Amino acid sequence: MSELIIGLGGILVNLIDVYIWIIIIAALLTWVNPDPNNPIVQILYRLTEPAYKLTRRYIPTVFNGIDLAPLIIVIALQVVMIVIQATLRSLFY
């Protein structure tokens, strides 16, 4: 049973890591002003906008014209990953 929980925790950590990269890529794309009709750009925006909206609802993220929502989300997800990994380590090792 412990192997199953460790495996699921590893999958969750990997999914969070992939989402972090999606947020980073979407944030970098805003600097180059890509074509909004591009399917890849639309997918990236659809994946990141819910997290941006949630963050912007509770935290003012625009400072001097720079949107810090991606940075806040990445830091929060890194903290979640560390907590998950530490919890799994303390439970089963």
N, C-alpha and C. Protein backbone atom coordinates (compact mmCIF):
# COMPACT_ATOMS: atom_id res chain seq x y z
N MET A 1 0.82 -1.20 0.00
CA MET A 1 0.00 0.00 0.00
C MET A 1 0.86 1.26 0.00
N SER A 2 1.98 1.22 0.70
CA SER A 2 2.83 2.41 0.76
C SER A 2 3.44 2.72 -0.61
N GLU A 3 3.74 1.68 -1.39
CA GLU A 3 4.29 1.92 -2.72
C GLU A 3 3.28 2.64 -3.60
N LEU A 4 2.01 2.30 -3.47
CA LEU A 4 0.95 2.95 -4.24
C LEU A 4 0.85 4.43 -3.89
N ILE A 5 0.89 4.73 -2.61
CA ILE A 5 0.80 6.13 -2.18
C ILE A 5 2.02 6.90 -2.62
N ILE A 6 3.20 6.31 -2.52
CA ILE A 6 4.42 6.96 -2.98
C ILE A 6 4.36 7.19 -4.49
N GLY A 7 3.87 6.21 -5.23
CA GLY A 7 3.73 6.36 -6.67
C GLY A 7 2.76 7.46 -7.06
N LEU A 8 1.61 7.51 -6.38
CA LEU A 8 0.64 8.56 -6.66
C LEU A 8 1.18 9.94 -6.29
N GLY A 9 1.93 9.98 -5.19
CA GLY A 9 2.56 11.24 -4.81
C GLY A 9 3.58 11.68 -5.84
N GLY A 10 4.34 10.72 -6.37
CA GLY A 10 5.31 11.05 -7.42
C GLY A 10 4.64 11.55 -8.68
N ILE A 11 3.51 10.94 -9.04
CA ILE A 11 2.76 11.40 -10.22
C ILE A 11 2.25 12.81 -9.98
N LEU A 12 1.72 13.08 -8.79
CA LEU A 12 1.22 14.41 -8.47
C LEU A 12 2.34 15.46 -8.54
N VAL A 13 3.49 15.13 -8.00
CA VAL A 13 4.63 16.05 -8.05
C VAL A 13 5.05 16.31 -9.49
N ASN A 14 5.06 15.27 -10.32
CA ASN A 14 5.42 15.45 -11.72
C ASN A 14 4.39 16.29 -12.47
N LEU A 15 3.11 16.11 -12.19
CA LEU A 15 2.08 16.94 -12.82
C LEU A 15 2.22 18.40 -12.42
N ILE A 16 2.53 18.64 -11.16
CA ILE A 16 2.76 20.02 -10.71
C ILE A 16 3.97 20.61 -11.42
N ASP A 17 5.01 19.81 -11.58
CA ASP A 17 6.21 20.27 -12.28
C ASP A 17 5.90 20.62 -13.73
N VAL A 18 5.11 19.81 -14.40
CA VAL A 18 4.71 20.11 -15.79
C VAL A 18 3.90 21.39 -15.84
N TYR A 19 3.00 21.59 -14.89
CA TYR A 19 2.19 22.81 -14.86
C TYR A 19 3.05 24.04 -14.62
N ILE A 20 4.07 23.90 -13.80
CA ILE A 20 5.00 25.01 -13.59
C ILE A 20 5.65 25.40 -14.92
N TRP A 21 6.07 24.41 -15.69
CA TRP A 21 6.68 24.71 -16.99
C TRP A 21 5.69 25.33 -17.95
N ILE A 22 4.44 24.92 -17.90
CA ILE A 22 3.40 25.53 -18.74
C ILE A 22 3.24 27.00 -18.37
N ILE A 23 3.23 27.31 -17.10
CA ILE A 23 3.11 28.70 -16.66
C ILE A 23 4.32 29.51 -17.10
N ILE A 24 5.50 28.94 -16.98
CA ILE A 24 6.71 29.66 -17.40
C ILE A 24 6.68 29.94 -18.90
N ILE A 25 6.31 28.95 -19.69
CA ILE A 25 6.25 29.13 -21.14
C ILE A 25 5.20 30.17 -21.51
N ALA A 26 4.04 30.12 -20.88
CA ALA A 26 2.99 31.10 -21.17
C ALA A 26 3.43 32.51 -20.78
N ALA A 27 4.14 32.63 -19.67
CA ALA A 27 4.63 33.95 -19.25
C ALA A 27 5.67 34.47 -20.23
N LEU A 28 6.55 33.61 -20.70
CA LEU A 28 7.55 34.05 -21.67
C LEU A 28 6.90 34.43 -22.99
N LEU A 29 5.83 33.76 -23.38
CA LEU A 29 5.14 34.09 -24.62
C LEU A 29 4.51 35.48 -24.58
N THR A 30 4.14 35.95 -23.40
CA THR A 30 3.55 37.28 -23.33
C THR A 30 4.56 38.37 -23.67
N TRP A 31 5.85 38.08 -23.55
CA TRP A 31 6.87 39.07 -23.88
C TRP A 31 7.02 39.26 -25.39
N VAL A 32 6.69 38.23 -26.18
CA VAL A 32 6.90 38.33 -27.63
C VAL A 32 5.60 38.59 -28.39
N ASN A 33 4.46 38.69 -27.69
CA ASN A 33 3.18 38.98 -28.30
C ASN A 33 2.86 38.02 -29.45
N PRO A 34 2.59 36.75 -29.14
CA PRO A 34 2.34 35.76 -30.20
C PRO A 34 0.95 35.93 -30.83
N ASP A 35 0.74 35.24 -31.90
CA ASP A 35 -0.55 35.25 -32.58
C ASP A 35 -1.59 34.59 -31.69
N PRO A 36 -2.64 35.30 -31.28
CA PRO A 36 -3.63 34.69 -30.38
C PRO A 36 -4.46 33.58 -31.03
N ASN A 37 -4.40 33.46 -32.35
CA ASN A 37 -5.15 32.41 -33.03
C ASN A 37 -4.36 31.11 -33.15
N ASN A 38 -3.11 31.12 -32.74
CA ASN A 38 -2.29 29.92 -32.77
C ASN A 38 -2.86 28.91 -31.76
N PRO A 39 -3.08 27.66 -32.18
CA PRO A 39 -3.68 26.67 -31.26
C PRO A 39 -2.84 26.41 -30.02
N ILE A 40 -1.54 26.42 -30.15
CA ILE A 40 -0.67 26.18 -28.98
C ILE A 40 -0.81 27.32 -27.98
N VAL A 41 -0.84 28.54 -28.48
CA VAL A 41 -1.00 29.70 -27.61
C VAL A 41 -2.37 29.65 -26.92
N GLN A 42 -3.40 29.27 -27.65
CA GLN A 42 -4.73 29.17 -27.04
C GLN A 42 -4.77 28.11 -25.95
N ILE A 43 -4.12 26.98 -26.18
CA ILE A 43 -4.07 25.92 -25.15
C ILE A 43 -3.34 26.41 -23.91
N LEU A 44 -2.21 27.07 -24.11
CA LEU A 44 -1.45 27.58 -22.97
C LEU A 44 -2.26 28.59 -22.17
N TYR A 45 -2.95 29.47 -22.86
CA TYR A 45 -3.77 30.46 -22.15
C TYR A 45 -4.95 29.80 -21.43
N ARG A 46 -5.55 28.80 -22.05
CA ARG A 46 -6.66 28.10 -21.39
C ARG A 46 -6.20 27.35 -20.14
N LEU A 47 -4.98 26.86 -20.17
CA LEU A 47 -4.45 26.13 -19.01
C LEU A 47 -4.01 27.06 -17.89
N THR A 48 -3.58 28.27 -18.23
CA THR A 48 -3.03 29.16 -17.20
C THR A 48 -4.02 30.20 -16.68
N GLU A 49 -4.98 30.61 -17.48
CA GLU A 49 -5.89 31.67 -17.05
C GLU A 49 -6.67 31.36 -15.77
N PRO A 50 -7.16 30.13 -15.55
CA PRO A 50 -7.86 29.88 -14.27
C PRO A 50 -6.97 30.14 -13.05
N ALA A 51 -5.72 29.73 -13.11
CA ALA A 51 -4.81 29.96 -11.99
C ALA A 51 -4.51 31.45 -11.84
N TYR A 52 -4.35 32.15 -12.97
CA TYR A 52 -4.11 33.59 -12.91
C TYR A 52 -5.30 34.32 -12.29
N LYS A 53 -6.51 33.95 -12.70
CA LYS A 53 -7.71 34.61 -12.17
C LYS A 53 -7.85 34.37 -10.67
N LEU A 54 -7.58 33.14 -10.23
CA LEU A 54 -7.66 32.83 -8.81
C LEU A 54 -6.65 33.64 -8.02
N THR A 55 -5.44 33.74 -8.53
CA THR A 55 -4.40 34.50 -7.84
C THR A 55 -4.74 35.98 -7.81
N ARG A 56 -5.20 36.51 -8.94
CA ARG A 56 -5.52 37.94 -9.02
C ARG A 56 -6.72 38.31 -8.16
N ARG A 57 -7.58 37.35 -7.89
CA ARG A 57 -8.74 37.64 -7.04
C ARG A 57 -8.31 37.95 -5.61
N TYR A 58 -7.28 37.30 -5.12
CA TYR A 58 -6.88 37.45 -3.72
C TYR A 58 -5.64 38.31 -3.51
N ILE A 59 -4.81 38.44 -4.53
CA ILE A 59 -3.55 39.17 -4.38
C ILE A 59 -3.43 40.17 -5.53
N PRO A 60 -3.13 41.43 -5.23
CA PRO A 60 -2.85 42.36 -6.33
C PRO A 60 -1.51 41.97 -6.97
N THR A 61 -1.52 41.65 -8.24
CA THR A 61 -0.33 41.09 -8.87
C THR A 61 0.38 42.02 -9.84
N VAL A 62 -0.22 43.17 -10.15
CA VAL A 62 0.40 44.08 -11.11
C VAL A 62 1.13 45.18 -10.35
N PHE A 63 2.45 45.23 -10.53
CA PHE A 63 3.29 46.25 -9.92
C PHE A 63 4.08 46.94 -11.01
N ASN A 64 3.90 48.25 -11.15
CA ASN A 64 4.59 49.05 -12.16
C ASN A 64 4.42 48.47 -13.56
N GLY A 65 3.23 47.96 -13.87
CA GLY A 65 2.95 47.44 -15.19
C GLY A 65 3.43 46.02 -15.43
N ILE A 66 4.00 45.39 -14.42
CA ILE A 66 4.49 44.01 -14.56
C ILE A 66 3.55 43.09 -13.78
N ASP A 67 3.05 42.08 -14.45
CA ASP A 67 2.15 41.12 -13.80
C ASP A 67 2.99 40.03 -13.14
N LEU A 68 2.88 39.94 -11.84
CA LEU A 68 3.66 38.96 -11.08
C LEU A 68 2.87 37.70 -10.75
N ALA A 69 1.69 37.54 -11.34
CA ALA A 69 0.87 36.35 -11.07
C ALA A 69 1.60 35.06 -11.41
N PRO A 70 2.30 34.96 -12.56
CA PRO A 70 3.02 33.71 -12.83
C PRO A 70 4.09 33.40 -11.77
N LEU A 71 4.79 34.41 -11.32
CA LEU A 71 5.82 34.20 -10.30
C LEU A 71 5.20 33.72 -8.99
N ILE A 72 4.09 34.33 -8.59
CA ILE A 72 3.42 33.93 -7.36
C ILE A 72 2.93 32.49 -7.45
N ILE A 73 2.37 32.13 -8.60
CA ILE A 73 1.86 30.77 -8.78
C ILE A 73 2.99 29.75 -8.77
N VAL A 74 4.09 30.06 -9.44
CA VAL A 74 5.23 29.13 -9.48
C VAL A 74 5.79 28.92 -8.08
N ILE A 75 5.93 30.00 -7.32
CA ILE A 75 6.44 29.86 -5.95
C ILE A 75 5.48 29.03 -5.10
N ALA A 76 4.18 29.28 -5.23
CA ALA A 76 3.20 28.52 -4.45
C ALA A 76 3.23 27.04 -4.82
N LEU A 77 3.34 26.75 -6.12
CA LEU A 77 3.40 25.35 -6.54
C LEU A 77 4.70 24.67 -6.09
N GLN A 78 5.79 25.41 -6.05
CA GLN A 78 7.04 24.85 -5.53
C GLN A 78 6.88 24.49 -4.04
N VAL A 79 6.22 25.36 -3.30
CA VAL A 79 5.98 25.07 -1.88
C VAL A 79 5.11 23.83 -1.73
N VAL A 80 4.07 23.71 -2.55
CA VAL A 80 3.20 22.53 -2.50
C VAL A 80 4.00 21.27 -2.82
N MET A 81 4.87 21.34 -3.81
CA MET A 81 5.70 20.17 -4.16
C MET A 81 6.60 19.77 -3.00
N ILE A 82 7.21 20.74 -2.35
CA ILE A 82 8.09 20.46 -1.22
C ILE A 82 7.31 19.83 -0.07
N VAL A 83 6.12 20.33 0.19
CA VAL A 83 5.30 19.78 1.27
C VAL A 83 4.89 18.35 0.96
N ILE A 84 4.49 18.10 -0.28
CA ILE A 84 4.10 16.73 -0.67
C ILE A 84 5.28 15.78 -0.52
N GLN A 85 6.43 16.18 -1.02
CA GLN A 85 7.60 15.31 -0.95
C GLN A 85 8.04 15.08 0.49
N ALA A 86 8.01 16.12 1.32
CA ALA A 86 8.40 15.96 2.71
C ALA A 86 7.40 15.08 3.46
N THR A 87 6.13 15.21 3.16
CA THR A 87 5.12 14.38 3.80
C THR A 87 5.30 12.91 3.43
N LEU A 88 5.52 12.66 2.16
CA LEU A 88 5.73 11.27 1.73
C LEU A 88 6.99 10.68 2.35
N ARG A 89 8.05 11.49 2.40
CA ARG A 89 9.29 11.02 3.01
C ARG A 89 9.11 10.71 4.49
N SER A 90 8.40 11.58 5.20
CA SER A 90 8.25 11.35 6.64
C SER A 90 7.31 10.19 6.95
N LEU A 91 6.36 9.91 6.05
CA LEU A 91 5.45 8.80 6.30
C LEU A 91 6.05 7.44 6.00
N PHE A 92 6.87 7.35 4.99
CA PHE A 92 7.27 6.03 4.50
C PHE A 92 8.76 5.75 4.52
N TYR A 93 9.58 6.68 4.92
CA TYR A 93 11.03 6.38 4.92
C TYR A 93 11.61 6.51 6.29
